[in-house]
Protein backbone atom coordinates (compact mmCIF):
# COMPACT_ATOMS: atom_id res chain seq x y z
CA MET A 1 0.00 0.00 0.00
CA GLU A 2 1.36 3.39 -0.93
CA MET A 3 1.69 6.11 1.71
CA ASN A 4 0.96 9.67 0.73
CA SER A 5 3.52 11.92 2.46
CA GLU A 6 2.88 15.65 2.58
CA PRO A 7 5.77 17.87 1.61
CA ALA A 8 7.54 19.62 4.48
CA PRO A 9 6.55 23.28 4.84
CA PRO A 10 9.04 25.68 3.31
CA ARG A 11 11.51 27.31 5.67
CA LEU A 12 10.98 31.02 6.08
CA PHE A 13 14.70 31.68 6.44
CA SER A 14 17.66 29.68 5.31
CA THR A 15 20.37 28.84 7.82
CA ARG A 16 22.75 31.31 6.21
CA LEU A 17 20.17 34.09 6.33
CA ARG A 18 19.46 33.46 9.99
CA ILE A 19 23.16 33.59 10.78
CA ALA A 20 23.43 36.87 8.86
CA ILE A 21 20.50 38.38 10.78
CA LEU A 22 21.97 37.29 14.12
CA TYR A 23 25.35 38.76 13.17
CA PHE A 24 23.71 42.04 12.20
CA LEU A 25 21.86 42.25 15.52
CA LEU A 26 25.01 41.53 17.53
CA VAL A 27 26.98 44.17 15.62
CA SER A 28 24.18 46.73 16.12
CA VAL A 29 24.02 46.12 19.86
CA GLY A 30 27.80 46.27 20.19
CA THR A 31 28.02 49.50 18.20
CA GLY A 32 25.31 51.07 20.31
CA PHE A 33 27.10 50.12 23.53
CA VAL A 34 30.42 51.54 22.31
CA SER A 35 28.67 54.76 21.27
CA TYR A 36 27.10 55.04 24.73
CA LEU A 37 30.49 54.63 26.43
CA ALA A 38 32.01 57.27 24.15
CA TRP A 39 29.14 59.64 24.96
CA GLN A 40 29.67 59.14 28.69
CA GLN A 41 33.40 59.79 28.32
CA THR A 42 32.72 62.94 26.31
CA LYS A 43 30.39 64.24 29.02
CA SER A 44 33.09 63.64 31.63
CA GLN A 45 35.72 65.44 29.55
CA VAL A 46 33.43 68.42 28.98
CA LYS A 47 32.80 68.65 32.71
CA LYS A 48 36.55 68.58 33.39
CA ARG A 49 37.27 71.30 30.84
CA HIS A 50 34.45 73.39 32.28
CA SER A 51 35.84 72.91 35.77
CA ALA A 52 39.37 73.87 34.69
CA GLN A 53 38.04 77.07 33.11
CA ASP A 54 36.20 77.97 36.30
CA MET A 55 39.21 77.13 38.47
CA HIS A 56 41.31 79.58 36.48
CA GLY A 57 38.70 82.26 37.20
CA ILE A 58 38.97 81.41 40.88
CA PHE A 59 42.76 81.65 40.61
CA THR A 60 42.45 85.14 39.13
CA ALA A 61 40.26 86.27 42.04
CA LEU A 62 42.63 84.69 44.58
CA SER A 63 45.59 86.47 43.00
CA ALA A 64 43.76 89.81 43.29
CA TRP A 65 43.00 89.00 46.94
CA ALA A 66 46.67 88.17 47.58
CA ALA A 67 47.76 91.47 46.03
CA ASP A 68 45.94 93.26 48.87
CA HIS A 69 47.20 90.88 51.58
CA ASP A 70 51.01 90.91 51.34
CA GLN A 71 50.97 88.37 48.48
CA ALA A 72 49.47 85.66 50.70
CA PHE A 73 46.40 83.67 49.72
CA PRO A 74 43.57 83.05 52.21
CA ASP A 75 44.63 80.69 55.00
CA LEU A 76 41.66 79.44 57.02
CA PRO A 77 41.77 76.03 58.68
CA ASP A 78 38.38 74.44 58.14
CA ASN A 79 37.39 73.93 54.47
CA ALA A 80 37.63 75.35 50.98
CA ASN A 81 34.26 77.10 51.27
CA SER A 82 35.36 79.44 54.04
CA ASN A 83 38.58 80.34 52.22
CA PHE A 84 36.71 81.14 49.01
CA ARG A 85 34.14 83.16 50.99
CA GLU A 86 36.91 85.69 51.59
CA LEU A 87 36.62 86.59 47.91
CA PHE A 88 32.98 87.59 48.42
CA LYS A 89 33.89 89.69 51.45
CA SER A 90 36.46 91.57 49.38
CA GLY A 91 34.03 92.23 46.53
CA LEU A 92 36.11 90.21 44.06
CA VAL A 93 33.37 87.63 43.44
CA THR A 94 29.60 88.02 43.42
CA SER A 95 28.36 84.69 41.98
CA GLU A 96 28.68 81.15 43.34
CA ASP A 97 28.46 79.56 39.90
CA MET A 98 32.14 79.26 39.02
CA PHE A 99 32.86 77.30 42.19
CA ALA A 100 30.30 74.60 41.42
CA VAL A 101 30.01 71.63 39.09
CA PRO A 102 26.29 70.76 39.37
CA GLY A 103 25.59 67.06 39.46
CA ASP A 104 28.92 65.97 40.91
CA GLY A 105 29.52 64.43 44.33
CA TRP A 106 29.76 67.78 46.14
CA CYS A 107 26.81 69.87 44.97
CA LEU A 108 23.33 69.23 46.29
CA PRO A 109 20.38 69.32 43.85
CA GLY A 110 19.38 72.89 43.10
CA LYS A 111 22.65 74.29 44.40
CA PRO A 112 24.21 76.78 44.32
CA ASP A 113 21.23 79.04 44.95
CA GLN A 114 22.96 82.43 44.54
CA ASP A 115 21.94 83.46 48.05
CA THR A 116 25.21 84.85 49.35
CA GLY A 117 23.89 86.73 52.36
CA THR A 118 24.74 90.33 53.12
CA ALA A 119 27.91 92.35 53.67
CA PRO A 120 30.24 92.30 55.42
CA ASP A 121 30.19 88.58 56.28
CA PHE A 122 28.33 87.05 53.31
CA ALA A 123 27.66 84.13 55.63
CA LYS A 124 25.38 82.32 53.18
CA ALA A 125 27.90 82.36 50.33
CA LEU A 126 29.12 78.86 49.43
CA GLU A 127 27.33 77.03 52.18
CA PRO A 128 28.00 73.26 52.46
CA GLY A 129 26.81 71.49 49.34
CA GLU A 130 27.08 74.58 47.12
CA GLN A 131 30.56 74.31 45.66
CA SER A 132 32.93 71.70 44.21
CA THR A 133 36.42 73.20 44.19
CA GLY A 134 39.22 72.20 46.52
CA TYR A 135 41.86 74.59 47.84
CA VAL A 136 45.41 74.43 49.21
CA ALA A 137 45.84 76.80 52.16
CA GLY A 138 48.95 78.47 53.48
CA LEU A 139 50.49 79.45 50.13
CA GLU A 140 51.82 82.73 48.75
CA THR A 141 52.34 84.05 45.25
CA ALA A 142 56.06 83.28 45.69
CA SER A 143 55.45 79.63 46.62
CA ASN A 144 56.77 76.84 44.40
CA SER A 145 55.26 77.35 40.95
CA LEU A 146 54.51 73.61 40.66
CA TRP A 147 52.31 73.53 43.75
CA PRO A 148 48.52 73.40 43.32
CA LEU A 149 46.34 76.24 44.56
CA VAL A 150 42.87 75.07 43.48
CA PHE A 151 41.85 71.59 42.36
CA TYR A 152 38.87 69.49 41.36
CA GLN A 153 37.79 65.96 42.16
CA ALA A 154 34.38 64.62 41.20
CA GLY A 155 33.40 63.75 44.75
CA PRO A 156 34.68 62.60 48.15
CA GLY A 157 37.34 59.93 47.77
CA GLN A 158 37.72 60.49 44.02
CA ALA A 159 41.17 60.99 42.52
CA VAL A 160 42.31 64.54 41.83
CA GLN A 161 43.15 65.09 38.17
CA ASP A 162 42.53 68.75 37.33
CA TRP A 163 44.21 71.60 39.14
CA VAL A 164 45.64 75.08 38.73
CA SER A 165 49.06 75.91 40.15
CA VAL A 166 50.15 78.89 42.23
CA THR A 167 51.19 80.63 39.02
CA GLY A 168 47.96 79.89 37.16
CA SER A 169 49.11 76.95 35.04
CA ALA A 170 46.36 74.40 34.38
CA ARG A 171 47.47 70.81 34.89
CA ILE A 172 45.94 67.39 34.36
CA ALA A 173 47.91 65.09 36.62
CA PRO A 174 47.33 63.25 39.88
CA PHE A 175 48.45 64.65 43.20
CA SER A 176 51.60 62.75 44.08
CA ALA A 177 55.24 63.21 44.99
CA LYS A 178 56.11 62.37 41.39
CA TYR A 179 54.58 65.64 40.21
CA LEU A 180 54.86 67.78 43.34
CA GLY A 181 58.26 66.82 44.73
CA GLN A 182 59.38 65.99 48.23
CA ASP A 183 57.15 68.68 49.77
CA TRP A 184 54.01 66.72 48.88
CA ASP A 185 53.79 65.27 52.40
CA GLU A 186 53.56 68.79 53.83
CA LEU A 187 51.14 69.99 51.16
CA GLN A 188 48.70 67.22 51.98
CA LYS A 189 48.20 68.76 55.42
CA GLU A 190 46.99 71.98 53.80
CA LEU A 191 44.34 70.51 51.50
CA ARG A 192 40.92 72.05 52.08
CA LEU A 193 38.05 70.08 50.58
CA PRO A 194 34.59 71.41 49.68
CA ALA A 195 32.23 71.30 52.64
CA LEU A 196 29.28 68.90 52.67
CA PRO A 197 26.17 69.28 54.85
CA ALA A 198 26.35 67.46 58.16
CA LYS A 199 24.46 64.19 58.17
CA PRO A 200 21.40 64.20 60.44
CA ALA A 201 21.91 62.36 63.71
CA ALA A 202 20.49 58.84 63.78
CA LYS A 203 17.29 58.56 65.80
């Protein structure tokens, strides 16, 4: 007895075509991921360049302050904010913007708010969480030209990469004895970081 066998249904895609489609999808996903990483790196580089530009503006104001104070830069012991506040008191700076990099690990959302308080103290200028720039206290205009005066790190515990020296030279290099010489151990004691708001006490 003869058996009637039905023909197998036609394949929608050949094996080669399916491999080609899979390859195309993998390449597309990979390209998209690489593009995303490049975009993130570009954003970081733009932020660093922006910060370096602002730090040079801060350097200019500090130099003007030093010119009226026997060539010495501000030298307060607590944090960078209080040292930079001296520039507001002297009328050299009126805006908080150039001290801040919004969205980094130092600035709170919505800060800075441009509320600097009133003369002569300007007590509300650069309150904790309103600025991102670090400072090296105890220096003078005649200090070692390689030493940093203002610097930027993206947040607490992050590595320092961008800084401006006592003479106004912008540098992209880590803080270390390799770049700063044997006095680096002493300089570390003078680093003043941006101030962060105090954490609320645990209940």
